[in-house]
Amino acid sequence: MPGDFEPPDLAAMLRRVPSLRGRLPGDSGDAADARPVIEVRVSPAPGEGFYSAGRRVSGAGLEAELRGVDLCRAMSEAYGISVHRIEAASGFPRQRFDFFLRVPGGSESAMRCLLIAAADAAFGAESRLVKKKRPALLLRRAGGGDRSGLRATKGTRLSLETRKGGFSATCASAGDIAAILEEEFLSPVEDETGLAGRYDACLAWTPGDKISLARALGEDLGLELADGVREISVLEVERAR
């Protein structure tokens, strides 16, 4: 097992984020105009247990709360990338942390920027997105497949509900479906369907049976998976220097 990361000063790390400069406690500025702009709380997660993550909009802005997350899950939430696309040359540390973050105005991009900085600081890590050639599953339209289960949406908001042995999606892109399959096959899945629209879809298969899933994918959605190698987005995580 790799050793634990030693977290550096959180405020110093957050001040490296351009959009947060001048907005953190202790920053210079007009004291008369000082008011809370962001809130960041990070603490070691007590004991063992499952992780949880959620977001909500309150009167104070967009809030995110992550509990019991390890480095891999924290980076997945921060970058919006699958854990199967995260690589750490020195392995992943054992620590788990609880995070609470608040940004004004409900900005998702500001929240992600803040969460990346907070995760980097908590785990003493440096992270960056790169392109690398890696084995991947390629999602394609099946020749002669029935796509009756893939219906053009009338919705305007993306909704995804996953469960053991199935999922339901509203206003989803083919890329959204690929992301769901990535969690089921525990491998990067690249969308090569060429489908540019948004769809409603519902799929069910025998839980834990990848053959059943692949069959349902072809029979109900007219899609198939093929093995391949592609240049994909990978998140590299290294110890901070």
Protein backbone atom coordinates (compact mmCIF):
# COMPACT_ATOMS: atom_id res chain seq x y z
CA MET A 1 0.00 0.00 0.00
CA PRO A 2 1.28 3.48 -0.77
CA GLY A 3 1.95 5.85 2.07
CA ASP A 4 -0.43 8.60 3.10
CA PHE A 5 -0.12 12.02 1.45
CA GLU A 6 0.86 14.91 3.69
CA PRO A 7 -1.65 17.72 3.04
CA PRO A 8 -0.15 21.18 2.55
CA ASP A 9 -1.78 24.41 3.72
CA LEU A 10 -5.30 24.48 2.24
CA ALA A 11 -5.60 28.25 1.96
CA ALA A 12 -2.26 28.49 0.15
CA MET A 13 -3.41 25.89 -2.36
CA LEU A 14 -6.76 27.64 -2.91
CA ARG A 15 -5.03 30.96 -3.58
CA ARG A 16 -3.51 29.36 -6.69
CA VAL A 17 -7.02 29.37 -8.21
CA PRO A 18 -7.34 32.70 -10.12
CA SER A 19 -11.10 33.05 -9.58
CA LEU A 20 -10.66 32.81 -5.79
CA ARG A 21 -7.86 35.34 -5.29
CA GLY A 22 -8.91 38.15 -2.98
CA ARG A 23 -11.89 36.15 -1.76
CA LEU A 24 -10.37 34.02 0.99
CA PRO A 25 -10.00 34.80 4.69
CA GLY A 26 -6.86 36.80 5.31
CA ASP A 27 -6.71 38.21 1.77
CA SER A 28 -6.14 41.96 1.53
CA GLY A 29 -9.15 44.06 0.64
CA ASP A 30 -11.66 46.59 1.94
CA ALA A 31 -12.66 45.26 5.37
CA ALA A 32 -15.89 47.26 5.26
CA ASP A 33 -16.96 45.30 2.20
CA ALA A 34 -15.76 41.95 3.54
CA ARG A 35 -18.42 39.23 3.43
CA PRO A 36 -18.40 35.45 3.00
CA VAL A 37 -17.94 34.55 -0.64
CA ILE A 38 -16.93 30.90 -0.48
CA GLU A 39 -16.90 28.28 2.24
CA VAL A 40 -14.56 25.30 2.37
CA ARG A 41 -14.45 22.72 5.15
CA VAL A 42 -12.22 19.65 4.93
CA SER A 43 -11.76 17.09 7.69
CA PRO A 44 -10.52 13.49 7.97
CA ALA A 45 -13.39 11.03 7.55
CA PRO A 46 -14.04 9.07 10.76
CA GLY A 47 -13.80 5.28 10.62
CA GLU A 48 -14.65 3.09 7.67
CA GLY A 49 -17.78 3.25 5.56
CA PHE A 50 -19.35 4.07 2.24
CA TYR A 51 -18.81 7.36 0.48
CA SER A 52 -21.60 9.76 -0.48
CA ALA A 53 -21.70 12.87 -2.65
CA GLY A 54 -24.38 15.42 -3.36
CA ARG A 55 -25.06 18.96 -4.50
CA ARG A 56 -27.85 21.41 -3.75
CA VAL A 57 -28.71 25.04 -4.40
CA SER A 58 -29.48 27.15 -1.33
CA GLY A 59 -30.03 30.84 -0.74
CA ALA A 60 -26.28 31.15 -0.13
CA GLY A 61 -25.31 29.54 -3.45
CA LEU A 62 -24.33 26.11 -4.74
CA GLU A 63 -23.28 23.64 -2.06
CA ALA A 64 -21.45 20.33 -2.41
CA GLU A 65 -20.97 17.75 0.32
CA LEU A 66 -18.76 14.68 -0.01
CA ARG A 67 -18.36 12.22 2.84
CA GLY A 68 -15.81 9.46 3.26
CA VAL A 69 -14.20 10.03 -0.15
CA ASP A 70 -10.76 8.71 -1.04
CA LEU A 71 -8.47 10.42 -3.53
CA CYS A 72 -9.90 8.57 -6.53
CA ARG A 73 -13.54 9.43 -5.72
CA ALA A 74 -12.69 13.03 -4.83
CA MET A 75 -10.96 13.56 -8.18
CA SER A 76 -13.81 11.84 -10.01
CA GLU A 77 -16.31 14.26 -8.47
CA ALA A 78 -14.04 17.27 -9.02
CA TYR A 79 -13.28 16.63 -12.69
CA GLY A 80 -16.52 14.85 -13.62
CA ILE A 81 -14.46 11.93 -14.89
CA SER A 82 -14.87 8.19 -14.31
CA VAL A 83 -12.66 6.55 -11.69
CA HIS A 84 -11.59 4.16 -14.46
CA ARG A 85 -9.76 7.06 -16.17
CA ILE A 86 -7.71 8.12 -13.13
CA GLU A 87 -4.08 7.04 -12.78
CA ALA A 88 -1.67 7.57 -9.89
CA ALA A 89 1.92 6.58 -10.59
CA SER A 90 2.70 6.08 -6.88
CA GLY A 91 -0.63 4.45 -6.06
CA PHE A 92 -3.60 5.84 -4.16
CA PRO A 93 -3.27 6.87 -0.50
CA ARG A 94 -5.40 5.36 2.25
CA GLN A 95 -6.88 8.58 3.60
CA ARG A 96 -10.50 9.53 3.24
CA PHE A 97 -11.89 13.02 3.81
CA ASP A 98 -15.19 14.83 4.27
CA PHE A 99 -15.65 17.97 2.16
CA PHE A 100 -18.21 20.77 2.40
CA LEU A 101 -17.98 23.58 -0.18
CA ARG A 102 -20.18 26.54 -1.02
CA VAL A 103 -19.87 29.00 -3.92
CA PRO A 104 -22.21 31.93 -4.61
CA GLY A 105 -24.45 32.18 -7.64
CA GLY A 106 -24.87 28.47 -8.30
CA SER A 107 -21.90 28.26 -10.68
CA GLU A 108 -21.04 24.60 -11.42
CA SER A 109 -17.76 25.61 -13.08
CA ALA A 110 -16.71 27.59 -9.99
CA MET A 111 -17.66 24.64 -7.79
CA ARG A 112 -15.52 22.25 -9.84
CA CYS A 113 -12.60 24.67 -9.75
CA LEU A 114 -12.91 24.93 -5.96
CA LEU A 115 -13.29 21.18 -5.46
CA ILE A 116 -10.22 20.43 -7.58
CA ALA A 117 -8.13 22.83 -5.49
CA ALA A 118 -9.54 21.48 -2.21
CA ALA A 119 -8.95 17.83 -3.22
CA ASP A 120 -5.40 18.60 -4.39
CA ALA A 121 -4.72 20.33 -1.08
CA ALA A 122 -6.29 17.70 1.18
CA PHE A 123 -4.40 14.82 -0.42
CA GLY A 124 -1.19 16.76 -1.10
CA ALA A 125 -1.57 15.96 -4.79
CA GLU A 126 -1.17 17.57 -8.20
CA SER A 127 -3.66 16.57 -10.88
CA ARG A 128 -3.97 17.24 -14.60
CA LEU A 129 -6.00 15.97 -17.53
CA VAL A 130 -3.98 14.51 -20.41
CA LYS A 131 -4.61 12.47 -23.55
CA LYS A 132 -3.21 8.93 -23.64
CA LYS A 133 -3.67 5.83 -25.76
CA ARG A 134 -5.47 3.24 -23.67
CA PRO A 135 -7.57 0.10 -24.22
CA ALA A 136 -11.25 1.06 -24.33
CA LEU A 137 -14.67 -0.28 -25.20
CA LEU A 138 -16.15 1.43 -28.27
CA LEU A 139 -19.89 2.12 -28.24
CA ARG A 140 -21.29 1.83 -31.77
CA ARG A 141 -24.57 1.40 -33.59
CA ALA A 142 -25.24 -2.30 -34.19
CA GLY A 143 -25.79 -3.29 -37.80
CA GLY A 144 -29.50 -3.95 -38.25
CA GLY A 145 -30.13 -3.42 -34.55
CA ASP A 146 -33.52 -2.29 -33.23
CA ARG A 147 -33.26 1.22 -31.79
CA SER A 148 -36.91 1.43 -30.70
CA GLY A 149 -35.77 1.70 -27.08
CA LEU A 150 -33.79 4.84 -27.92
CA ARG A 151 -36.49 7.50 -28.36
CA ALA A 152 -35.98 11.14 -29.34
CA THR A 153 -36.64 13.09 -26.16
CA LYS A 154 -39.32 15.68 -25.48
CA GLY A 155 -37.60 16.62 -22.24
CA THR A 156 -35.31 19.57 -21.63
CA ARG A 157 -33.40 18.41 -18.56
CA LEU A 158 -31.00 15.51 -18.21
CA SER A 159 -32.10 12.86 -15.73
CA LEU A 160 -30.22 9.60 -15.06
CA GLU A 161 -31.36 6.87 -12.68
CA THR A 162 -29.14 3.83 -12.27
CA ARG A 163 -29.87 0.67 -10.30
CA LYS A 164 -28.58 -2.88 -10.13
CA GLY A 165 -29.32 -4.42 -13.50
CA GLY A 166 -30.75 -1.36 -15.20
CA PHE A 167 -30.98 2.34 -15.86
CA SER A 168 -33.48 4.95 -17.01
CA ALA A 169 -32.41 8.11 -18.83
CA THR A 170 -34.24 11.23 -19.98
CA CYS A 171 -32.76 13.80 -22.37
CA ALA A 172 -29.51 11.82 -22.47
CA SER A 173 -26.80 11.89 -25.12
CA ALA A 174 -25.03 8.79 -26.39
CA GLY A 175 -22.07 10.01 -24.34
CA ASP A 176 -24.21 9.91 -21.18
CA ILE A 177 -25.14 6.30 -21.95
CA ALA A 178 -21.45 5.50 -22.55
CA ALA A 179 -20.65 6.94 -19.10
CA ILE A 180 -23.22 4.63 -17.48
CA LEU A 181 -21.78 1.62 -19.30
CA GLU A 182 -18.29 2.62 -18.14
CA GLU A 183 -19.35 2.04 -14.54
CA GLU A 184 -20.87 -1.33 -15.41
CA PHE A 185 -17.92 -2.66 -17.43
CA LEU A 186 -15.27 -1.04 -15.16
CA SER A 187 -13.43 0.20 -18.24
CA PRO A 188 -13.32 3.38 -20.34
CA VAL A 189 -16.15 3.47 -22.89
CA GLU A 190 -15.83 5.79 -25.90
CA ASP A 191 -18.93 6.99 -27.77
CA GLU A 192 -18.53 6.22 -31.48
CA THR A 193 -22.24 6.00 -32.33
CA GLY A 194 -22.33 9.22 -34.32
CA LEU A 195 -25.68 9.98 -32.62
CA ALA A 196 -25.82 13.72 -32.01
CA GLY A 197 -29.31 14.04 -30.51
CA ARG A 198 -30.73 13.52 -27.05
CA TYR A 199 -32.82 10.53 -26.15
CA ASP A 200 -35.01 8.82 -23.56
CA ALA A 201 -33.89 5.27 -22.85
CA CYS A 202 -34.58 2.45 -20.42
CA LEU A 203 -32.52 -0.72 -20.19
CA ALA A 204 -32.67 -3.81 -17.96
CA TRP A 205 -30.39 -6.85 -17.71
CA THR A 206 -29.43 -9.59 -15.27
CA PRO A 207 -27.43 -7.86 -12.49
CA GLY A 208 -23.71 -8.65 -12.65
CA ASP A 209 -24.02 -10.39 -16.04
CA LYS A 210 -22.10 -8.46 -18.70
CA ILE A 211 -23.27 -10.85 -21.44
CA SER A 212 -26.87 -10.10 -20.51
CA LEU A 213 -26.09 -6.37 -20.57
CA ALA A 214 -24.44 -6.55 -23.99
CA ARG A 215 -27.41 -8.53 -25.35
CA ALA A 216 -29.96 -6.03 -23.96
CA LEU A 217 -27.91 -3.15 -25.35
CA GLY A 218 -28.19 -4.59 -28.86
CA GLU A 219 -31.77 -5.82 -28.69
CA ASP A 220 -33.32 -2.78 -26.99
CA LEU A 221 -31.12 0.17 -27.99
CA GLY A 222 -29.51 -1.06 -31.20
CA LEU A 223 -26.02 -0.46 -29.80
CA GLU A 224 -22.97 -2.66 -29.34
CA LEU A 225 -19.55 -2.58 -27.71
CA ALA A 226 -16.26 -3.49 -29.40
CA ASP A 227 -12.74 -3.72 -28.04
CA GLY A 228 -10.27 -1.12 -29.22
CA VAL A 229 -7.45 1.27 -28.38
CA ARG A 230 -8.09 5.00 -28.45
CA GLU A 231 -6.53 8.25 -27.30
CA ILE A 232 -8.72 9.11 -24.32
CA SER A 233 -8.84 11.68 -21.53
CA VAL A 234 -6.95 10.45 -18.47
CA LEU A 235 -6.50 12.22 -15.14
CA GLU A 236 -2.92 11.92 -13.87
CA VAL A 237 -2.43 12.33 -10.13
CA GLU A 238 1.01 12.84 -8.60
CA ARG A 239 2.37 13.69 -5.19
CA ALA A 240 2.83 17.43 -4.75
CA ARG A 241 6.44 18.56 -4.91
